[in-house]
Amino acid sequence: MDKVGLEKHTSKQFDADLEDVRELVLSMGGLVEQQIADAVRALITGEGSLGEDVVQGDSQVNRMEVEIDEECTRILARRAPQAGDLRLIIAVAKTITDLERIGDEAEKIGRMATHLASYDRPKSAFRQIETLGRHVREMLRDSLDAFARLDSEAALRVAQQDAEVDREYEGIVRQCITYMMEDPRTIRHMLDVLWAVKALERIGDHSTNIGEYVVYFVEGKDVRHIGLEAMEKEVTEGAARRRGG
């Protein structure tokens, strides 16, 4: 085995097919990560044209999802994968769905950035939004790194960050509500801000999902909806088994 759960096959082409599809996922992830970075920058700086670029760029994300999905279908039809190979294809199919949805959230932020380009920006609130944007982007990067290395412990660390993202989101919501109460004239554009901030929070959720698919592939356990404590137990026990503990 070169990596956890990835075995060498008698068909070198099968190995190449599996590696190619993993590389496509990472390429799609890199594109989505850049979409997030551009969308947040557009929102913070008021660069409406950059926000529009993000909106237009979502079609490329969608095309990549279709391409990878079709490749997974071809592998299933040609190779009839089993055990770890089948788990990998399932994990890839689920991961690209979440990446596409992250792309959709980035598009929403880009669209809101375009709407808000001409409005003043409350500095404290937008500093917090910048921090939240950086945090969820790091979560996505970490989940993709866990996918690349097939590292369930790294995937667990992504899930452990989600509660902090939720706290950051709630803090920004409270601040936006305060602005609207103090000056009702801000309500319309602050609602757009809240929409964008909710999109960032959802990106954190989708990044956590990607980490869960890594755990599924490596540990052979579906850890969706079981809670963080139970997920930690599965990952810790799996790591101990691999280390002979």
Foldseek 3Di string as FASTA:
>chain_A
DVAQLDDDDPDVVLVVLLVVLLVLLLVLLVLLLVLLVQLLCLQLQLVLVSLVVLLVVLVVLVVSLVVSLVSLVVCCVPPVDDDLVVLSSVLSNLLSVLSSLLSVLSNLSSVLSNVCSPPDDDVVLSVLLSVLSVVLSVLSVQLSVCSVRLQLVSLLVLVVCLVVSVVSLVVSVVVLVVVCVVPVVCVVSSVSVNSSSVSSSVSSVSSNVSSQSSCCSNQVDRPPPVDSVVSVVSNVVSVCVVVVD
